[in-house]
Amino acid sequence: MRITQGAFSFLPDLTDAQITKQVQYCIDKGWAVNIEFTDDPHPRNTYWEMWGMPMFDVPDAAGVMFELQECRKAYAGRHYIRVSAFDSTHTWESVRLSFITDRPADEPGFSLDRQEIDGRNIRYTTRSYAAAKPEGSRY
């Protein structure tokens, strides 16, 4: 099951040249770019582990791509890696763009658990198959 989170998730994986152009677009807009990774891509897990600090004053995409390559050396094939761009402009102050750059070779997906609770109410819970294993050994 292919995880679809963030921009471009319904498209084929971006090439490094395409990622570089997206990162440069973010930098040109004055947004801080950061790299994150996780082995638990549950939709409510919005706080992924950060690879270093956000890059606020990087003049071009080469610095971000260098850090992305370093993150790939450590986690590629076992974790999801994404690039996010934060806009600190007053009144916006939020993520403007986020997209996944790397995925594990095998994406197990999610299960949907149904529970009948008080009266006739039904509750649904989404569980990641990957999270059934201990952290660090999910992929």
N, C-alpha and C. Protein backbone atom coordinates (compact mmCIF):
# COMPACT_ATOMS: atom_id res chain seq x y z
N MET A 1 0.84 -1.17 0.00
CA MET A 1 0.00 0.00 0.00
C MET A 1 0.89 1.24 0.00
N ARG A 2 0.67 2.10 -0.96
CA ARG A 2 1.48 3.31 -1.07
C ARG A 2 0.87 4.40 -0.19
N ILE A 3 1.67 4.94 0.73
CA ILE A 3 1.22 6.02 1.61
C ILE A 3 1.11 7.30 0.79
N THR A 4 -0.01 7.99 0.95
CA THR A 4 -0.20 9.24 0.22
C THR A 4 -0.36 10.38 1.23
N GLN A 5 0.73 10.99 1.57
CA GLN A 5 0.73 12.14 2.48
C GLN A 5 1.50 13.27 1.83
N GLY A 6 1.00 14.48 1.97
CA GLY A 6 1.69 15.65 1.45
C GLY A 6 1.48 15.83 -0.04
N ALA A 7 2.14 16.83 -0.57
CA ALA A 7 2.02 17.15 -1.99
C ALA A 7 2.69 16.06 -2.83
N PHE A 8 2.26 15.92 -4.04
CA PHE A 8 2.83 15.01 -5.05
C PHE A 8 2.70 13.53 -4.70
N SER A 9 1.94 13.19 -3.67
CA SER A 9 1.91 11.80 -3.22
C SER A 9 1.19 10.87 -4.19
N PHE A 10 0.37 11.43 -5.08
CA PHE A 10 -0.30 10.58 -6.06
C PHE A 10 0.50 10.47 -7.35
N LEU A 11 1.61 11.16 -7.41
CA LEU A 11 2.48 11.10 -8.58
C LEU A 11 3.57 10.05 -8.37
N PRO A 12 4.23 9.62 -9.43
CA PRO A 12 5.41 8.76 -9.23
C PRO A 12 6.44 9.50 -8.38
N ASP A 13 7.33 8.75 -7.73
CA ASP A 13 8.35 9.38 -6.88
C ASP A 13 9.14 10.42 -7.67
N LEU A 14 9.43 11.54 -7.00
CA LEU A 14 10.18 12.61 -7.64
C LEU A 14 11.65 12.20 -7.81
N THR A 15 12.25 12.65 -8.89
CA THR A 15 13.68 12.44 -9.09
C THR A 15 14.43 13.48 -8.26
N ASP A 16 15.74 13.30 -8.10
CA ASP A 16 16.52 14.29 -7.36
C ASP A 16 16.49 15.66 -8.03
N ALA A 17 16.45 15.68 -9.37
CA ALA A 17 16.37 16.97 -10.08
C ALA A 17 15.04 17.66 -9.77
N GLN A 18 13.96 16.90 -9.71
CA GLN A 18 12.66 17.49 -9.39
C GLN A 18 12.60 17.94 -7.93
N ILE A 19 13.19 17.16 -7.03
CA ILE A 19 13.24 17.55 -5.62
C ILE A 19 14.05 18.85 -5.48
N THR A 20 15.16 18.93 -6.19
CA THR A 20 16.00 20.14 -6.14
C THR A 20 15.20 21.36 -6.57
N LYS A 21 14.42 21.24 -7.63
CA LYS A 21 13.62 22.38 -8.10
C LYS A 21 12.55 22.77 -7.08
N GLN A 22 11.93 21.80 -6.42
CA GLN A 22 10.93 22.11 -5.41
C GLN A 22 11.57 22.80 -4.21
N VAL A 23 12.74 22.31 -3.80
CA VAL A 23 13.45 22.92 -2.67
C VAL A 23 13.87 24.35 -3.02
N GLN A 24 14.37 24.54 -4.25
CA GLN A 24 14.77 25.89 -4.65
C GLN A 24 13.57 26.84 -4.67
N TYR A 25 12.42 26.34 -5.10
CA TYR A 25 11.20 27.15 -5.07
C TYR A 25 10.90 27.61 -3.64
N CYS A 26 11.01 26.70 -2.69
CA CYS A 26 10.75 27.02 -1.28
C CYS A 26 11.74 28.07 -0.77
N ILE A 27 13.01 27.88 -1.10
CA ILE A 27 14.04 28.82 -0.67
C ILE A 27 13.79 30.19 -1.27
N ASP A 28 13.43 30.24 -2.53
CA ASP A 28 13.15 31.52 -3.20
C ASP A 28 11.98 32.25 -2.56
N LYS A 29 11.05 31.49 -1.98
CA LYS A 29 9.91 32.10 -1.29
C LYS A 29 10.26 32.55 0.13
N GLY A 30 11.48 32.19 0.60
CA GLY A 30 11.90 32.57 1.94
C GLY A 30 11.45 31.60 3.02
N TRP A 31 11.06 30.41 2.64
CA TRP A 31 10.60 29.42 3.60
C TRP A 31 11.78 28.61 4.15
N ALA A 32 11.72 28.24 5.41
CA ALA A 32 12.74 27.38 6.01
C ALA A 32 12.44 25.94 5.62
N VAL A 33 13.46 25.23 5.18
CA VAL A 33 13.30 23.85 4.72
C VAL A 33 13.89 22.91 5.77
N ASN A 34 13.20 21.82 6.03
CA ASN A 34 13.74 20.82 6.94
C ASN A 34 13.47 19.42 6.39
N ILE A 35 14.23 18.47 6.89
CA ILE A 35 14.14 17.07 6.48
C ILE A 35 13.72 16.26 7.70
N GLU A 36 12.74 15.37 7.51
CA GLU A 36 12.23 14.55 8.59
C GLU A 36 12.17 13.10 8.14
N PHE A 37 12.14 12.18 9.12
CA PHE A 37 12.03 10.75 8.80
C PHE A 37 11.23 10.05 9.87
N THR A 38 10.63 8.92 9.51
CA THR A 38 9.89 8.11 10.48
C THR A 38 9.75 6.70 9.96
N ASP A 39 9.50 5.76 10.88
CA ASP A 39 9.13 4.41 10.47
C ASP A 39 7.68 4.13 10.83
N ASP A 40 6.96 5.15 11.31
CA ASP A 40 5.54 5.04 11.62
C ASP A 40 4.79 6.17 10.91
N PRO A 41 4.32 5.91 9.70
CA PRO A 41 3.70 6.99 8.91
C PRO A 41 2.21 7.15 9.17
N HIS A 42 1.73 6.78 10.36
CA HIS A 42 0.30 6.93 10.67
C HIS A 42 -0.12 8.38 10.36
N PRO A 43 -1.32 8.55 9.79
CA PRO A 43 -1.75 9.91 9.42
C PRO A 43 -1.77 10.90 10.59
N ARG A 44 -1.94 10.42 11.79
CA ARG A 44 -1.94 11.33 12.94
C ARG A 44 -0.55 11.53 13.53
N ASN A 45 0.43 10.83 13.02
CA ASN A 45 1.81 11.04 13.46
C ASN A 45 2.39 12.19 12.65
N THR A 46 2.08 13.40 13.04
CA THR A 46 2.55 14.56 12.29
C THR A 46 3.94 15.00 12.70
N TYR A 47 4.41 14.52 13.84
CA TYR A 47 5.73 14.92 14.33
C TYR A 47 6.74 13.83 14.03
N TRP A 48 7.33 13.89 12.86
CA TRP A 48 8.38 12.95 12.49
C TRP A 48 9.69 13.42 13.12
N GLU A 49 10.67 12.49 13.16
CA GLU A 49 11.99 12.84 13.68
C GLU A 49 12.66 13.81 12.71
N MET A 50 13.30 14.83 13.25
CA MET A 50 13.97 15.81 12.38
C MET A 50 15.40 15.39 12.12
N TRP A 51 15.82 15.56 10.88
CA TRP A 51 17.21 15.35 10.50
C TRP A 51 17.90 16.71 10.61
N GLY A 52 18.59 16.93 11.70
CA GLY A 52 19.25 18.22 11.93
C GLY A 52 18.24 19.30 12.25
N MET A 53 18.69 20.52 12.12
CA MET A 53 17.85 21.67 12.39
C MET A 53 17.22 22.19 11.09
N PRO A 54 16.11 22.93 11.20
CA PRO A 54 15.56 23.55 9.98
C PRO A 54 16.59 24.48 9.36
N MET A 55 16.62 24.53 8.04
CA MET A 55 17.61 25.33 7.33
C MET A 55 16.95 26.64 6.92
N PHE A 56 17.20 27.69 7.73
CA PHE A 56 16.54 28.98 7.53
C PHE A 56 17.22 29.83 6.46
N ASP A 57 18.53 29.88 6.48
CA ASP A 57 19.24 30.82 5.62
C ASP A 57 20.10 30.13 4.56
N VAL A 58 19.64 29.03 4.05
CA VAL A 58 20.38 28.34 2.99
C VAL A 58 20.11 29.07 1.68
N PRO A 59 21.19 29.49 0.95
CA PRO A 59 20.96 30.29 -0.27
C PRO A 59 20.50 29.50 -1.48
N ASP A 60 20.87 28.21 -1.55
CA ASP A 60 20.42 27.42 -2.69
C ASP A 60 20.11 25.98 -2.25
N ALA A 61 19.55 25.21 -3.15
CA ALA A 61 19.07 23.88 -2.81
C ALA A 61 20.18 22.87 -2.57
N ALA A 62 21.41 23.19 -2.94
CA ALA A 62 22.51 22.23 -2.80
C ALA A 62 22.72 21.82 -1.35
N GLY A 63 22.61 22.76 -0.43
CA GLY A 63 22.79 22.44 0.99
C GLY A 63 21.72 21.49 1.50
N VAL A 64 20.49 21.72 1.07
CA VAL A 64 19.39 20.85 1.49
C VAL A 64 19.57 19.46 0.86
N MET A 65 19.97 19.42 -0.40
CA MET A 65 20.15 18.13 -1.07
C MET A 65 21.30 17.34 -0.43
N PHE A 66 22.35 18.05 0.04
CA PHE A 66 23.44 17.37 0.74
C PHE A 66 22.91 16.70 2.00
N GLU A 67 22.10 17.44 2.77
CA GLU A 67 21.54 16.87 4.00
C GLU A 67 20.57 15.73 3.69
N LEU A 68 19.82 15.85 2.60
CA LEU A 68 18.91 14.76 2.21
C LEU A 68 19.70 13.50 1.88
N GLN A 69 20.83 13.65 1.18
CA GLN A 69 21.67 12.48 0.87
C GLN A 69 22.23 11.84 2.14
N GLU A 70 22.61 12.68 3.11
CA GLU A 70 23.12 12.14 4.38
C GLU A 70 22.02 11.38 5.12
N CYS A 71 20.81 11.92 5.10
CA CYS A 71 19.68 11.24 5.73
C CYS A 71 19.39 9.92 5.02
N ARG A 72 19.49 9.92 3.70
CA ARG A 72 19.27 8.69 2.94
C ARG A 72 20.31 7.63 3.30
N LYS A 73 21.57 8.04 3.50
CA LYS A 73 22.60 7.08 3.87
C LYS A 73 22.26 6.37 5.17
N ALA A 74 21.62 7.11 6.08
CA ALA A 74 21.30 6.54 7.39
C ALA A 74 19.98 5.77 7.39
N TYR A 75 19.00 6.20 6.60
CA TYR A 75 17.65 5.64 6.76
C TYR A 75 16.97 5.15 5.49
N ALA A 76 17.55 5.32 4.33
CA ALA A 76 16.87 4.92 3.09
C ALA A 76 16.55 3.43 3.11
N GLY A 77 15.38 3.09 2.63
CA GLY A 77 14.94 1.69 2.55
C GLY A 77 14.29 1.18 3.82
N ARG A 78 14.47 1.89 4.94
CA ARG A 78 13.90 1.46 6.22
C ARG A 78 12.93 2.48 6.79
N HIS A 79 12.98 3.73 6.34
CA HIS A 79 12.13 4.79 6.87
C HIS A 79 11.56 5.62 5.73
N TYR A 80 10.50 6.35 6.06
CA TYR A 80 10.00 7.38 5.16
C TYR A 80 10.81 8.65 5.42
N ILE A 81 11.12 9.36 4.37
CA ILE A 81 11.83 10.63 4.49
C ILE A 81 11.02 11.68 3.74
N ARG A 82 10.83 12.83 4.37
CA ARG A 82 10.10 13.90 3.70
C ARG A 82 10.81 15.23 3.87
N VAL A 83 10.49 16.14 2.96
CA VAL A 83 10.98 17.51 3.01
C VAL A 83 9.79 18.40 3.28
N SER A 84 9.94 19.31 4.25
CA SER A 84 8.87 20.25 4.57
C SER A 84 9.43 21.67 4.49
N ALA A 85 8.56 22.61 4.11
CA ALA A 85 8.95 24.01 4.03
C ALA A 85 8.02 24.82 4.92
N PHE A 86 8.62 25.56 5.85
CA PHE A 86 7.87 26.33 6.84
C PHE A 86 7.93 27.81 6.48
N ASP A 87 6.76 28.44 6.45
CA ASP A 87 6.67 29.87 6.18
C ASP A 87 6.46 30.59 7.51
N SER A 88 7.44 31.40 7.91
CA SER A 88 7.35 32.10 9.20
C SER A 88 6.71 33.47 9.07
N THR A 89 6.14 33.79 7.92
CA THR A 89 5.49 35.08 7.72
C THR A 89 4.36 35.28 8.74
N HIS A 90 4.31 36.48 9.30
CA HIS A 90 3.27 36.78 10.29
C HIS A 90 1.89 36.47 9.71
N THR A 91 1.09 35.85 10.48
CA THR A 91 -0.28 35.39 10.19
C THR A 91 -0.33 34.10 9.39
N TRP A 92 0.77 33.70 8.77
CA TRP A 92 0.77 32.39 8.10
C TRP A 92 1.36 31.36 9.05
N GLU A 93 2.63 31.46 9.37
CA GLU A 93 3.33 30.69 10.40
C GLU A 93 2.95 29.21 10.40
N SER A 94 3.14 28.56 9.29
CA SER A 94 2.78 27.15 9.16
C SER A 94 3.55 26.52 8.01
N VAL A 95 3.39 25.21 7.88
CA VAL A 95 4.03 24.49 6.78
C VAL A 95 3.31 24.84 5.48
N ARG A 96 4.09 25.21 4.47
CA ARG A 96 3.52 25.56 3.17
C ARG A 96 3.59 24.40 2.19
N LEU A 97 4.63 23.60 2.30
CA LEU A 97 4.81 22.49 1.37
C LEU A 97 5.48 21.34 2.09
N SER A 98 5.00 20.15 1.84
CA SER A 98 5.59 18.95 2.43
C SER A 98 5.41 17.81 1.44
N PHE A 99 6.46 17.04 1.22
CA PHE A 99 6.34 15.89 0.32
C PHE A 99 7.35 14.82 0.71
N ILE A 100 6.95 13.58 0.45
CA ILE A 100 7.79 12.42 0.75
C ILE A 100 8.79 12.24 -0.37
N THR A 101 10.07 12.07 0.02
CA THR A 101 11.11 11.88 -0.98
C THR A 101 11.58 10.42 -1.07
N ASP A 102 11.46 9.69 0.04
CA ASP A 102 11.93 8.30 0.07
C ASP A 102 10.95 7.45 0.87
N ARG A 103 10.82 6.20 0.45
CA ARG A 103 9.91 5.27 1.10
C ARG A 103 10.64 3.95 1.35
N PRO A 104 10.14 3.15 2.32
CA PRO A 104 10.71 1.81 2.47
C PRO A 104 10.39 0.97 1.24
N ALA A 105 11.17 -0.06 1.02
CA ALA A 105 10.95 -0.92 -0.14
C ALA A 105 9.57 -1.58 -0.08
N ASP A 106 9.13 -1.93 1.12
CA ASP A 106 7.82 -2.57 1.30
C ASP A 106 6.99 -1.70 2.26
N GLU A 107 5.82 -1.26 1.80
CA GLU A 107 4.94 -0.46 2.63
C GLU A 107 3.75 -1.33 3.04
N PRO A 108 3.68 -1.77 4.31
CA PRO A 108 2.65 -2.73 4.69
C PRO A 108 1.23 -2.15 4.76
N GLY A 109 1.07 -0.87 4.99
CA GLY A 109 -0.26 -0.26 5.01
C GLY A 109 -0.89 -0.22 6.39
N PHE A 110 -2.22 -0.15 6.42
CA PHE A 110 -2.96 0.03 7.67
C PHE A 110 -4.13 -0.93 7.73
N SER A 111 -4.56 -1.21 8.97
CA SER A 111 -5.80 -1.96 9.17
C SER A 111 -6.82 -1.01 9.77
N LEU A 112 -8.09 -1.32 9.58
CA LEU A 112 -9.18 -0.52 10.14
C LEU A 112 -9.93 -1.40 11.12
N ASP A 113 -9.84 -1.07 12.42
CA ASP A 113 -10.51 -1.84 13.46
C ASP A 113 -11.86 -1.20 13.77
N ARG A 114 -12.88 -2.03 13.85
CA ARG A 114 -14.23 -1.56 14.17
C ARG A 114 -14.58 -2.01 15.58
N GLN A 115 -15.10 -1.08 16.40
CA GLN A 115 -15.50 -1.38 17.77
C GLN A 115 -16.92 -0.88 17.98
N GLU A 116 -17.76 -1.74 18.57
CA GLU A 116 -19.11 -1.31 18.95
C GLU A 116 -19.04 -0.85 20.39
N ILE A 117 -19.44 0.39 20.63
CA ILE A 117 -19.37 0.95 21.97
C ILE A 117 -20.77 1.37 22.41
N ASP A 118 -20.89 2.14 23.46
CA ASP A 118 -22.15 2.55 24.07
C ASP A 118 -23.32 2.59 23.07
N GLY A 119 -24.32 1.78 23.38
CA GLY A 119 -25.51 1.79 22.54
C GLY A 119 -25.22 1.26 21.15
N ARG A 120 -25.57 2.02 20.16
CA ARG A 120 -25.39 1.59 18.77
C ARG A 120 -24.23 2.33 18.10
N ASN A 121 -23.41 2.97 18.90
CA ASN A 121 -22.28 3.72 18.35
C ASN A 121 -21.17 2.78 17.88
N ILE A 122 -20.51 3.17 16.85
CA ILE A 122 -19.40 2.41 16.30
C ILE A 122 -18.20 3.32 16.21
N ARG A 123 -17.05 2.81 16.64
CA ARG A 123 -15.81 3.56 16.60
C ARG A 123 -14.83 2.83 15.67
N TYR A 124 -14.13 3.59 14.86
CA TYR A 124 -13.13 3.01 13.95
C TYR A 124 -11.75 3.53 14.34
N THR A 125 -10.79 2.65 14.29
CA THR A 125 -9.41 3.01 14.61
C THR A 125 -8.50 2.52 13.48
N THR A 126 -7.62 3.40 13.04
CA THR A 126 -6.64 3.03 12.03
C THR A 126 -5.34 2.61 12.71
N ARG A 127 -4.83 1.44 12.35
CA ARG A 127 -3.57 0.95 12.93
C ARG A 127 -2.59 0.61 11.81
N SER A 128 -1.38 1.03 12.01
CA SER A 128 -0.33 0.74 11.03
C SER A 128 0.20 -0.66 11.27
N TYR A 129 0.27 -1.47 10.21
CA TYR A 129 0.89 -2.79 10.35
C TYR A 129 2.35 -2.66 10.76
N ALA A 130 3.00 -1.61 10.31
CA ALA A 130 4.41 -1.41 10.64
C ALA A 130 4.60 -1.19 12.13
N ALA A 131 3.63 -0.51 12.80
CA ALA A 131 3.77 -0.20 14.22
C ALA A 131 3.57 -1.43 15.10
N ALA A 132 3.17 -2.56 14.52
CA ALA A 132 3.01 -3.79 15.31
C ALA A 132 4.37 -4.33 15.74
N LYS A 133 5.42 -3.96 15.04
CA LYS A 133 6.77 -4.39 15.40
C LYS A 133 7.44 -3.29 16.23
N PRO A 134 8.46 -3.65 17.02
CA PRO A 134 9.15 -2.62 17.81
C PRO A 134 9.81 -1.56 16.95
N GLU A 135 9.90 -0.35 17.50
CA GLU A 135 10.54 0.75 16.79
C GLU A 135 11.95 0.36 16.39
N GLY A 136 12.33 0.67 15.19
CA GLY A 136 13.66 0.36 14.69
C GLY A 136 13.72 -0.95 13.92
N SER A 137 12.67 -1.79 14.01
CA SER A 137 12.68 -3.07 13.28
C SER A 137 11.41 -3.24 12.47
N ARG A 138 10.83 -2.13 12.04
CA ARG A 138 9.55 -2.19 11.34
C ARG A 138 9.67 -2.47 9.86
N TYR A 139 10.81 -2.17 9.28
CA TYR A 139 10.98 -2.43 7.85
C TYR A 139 12.25 -3.21 7.61
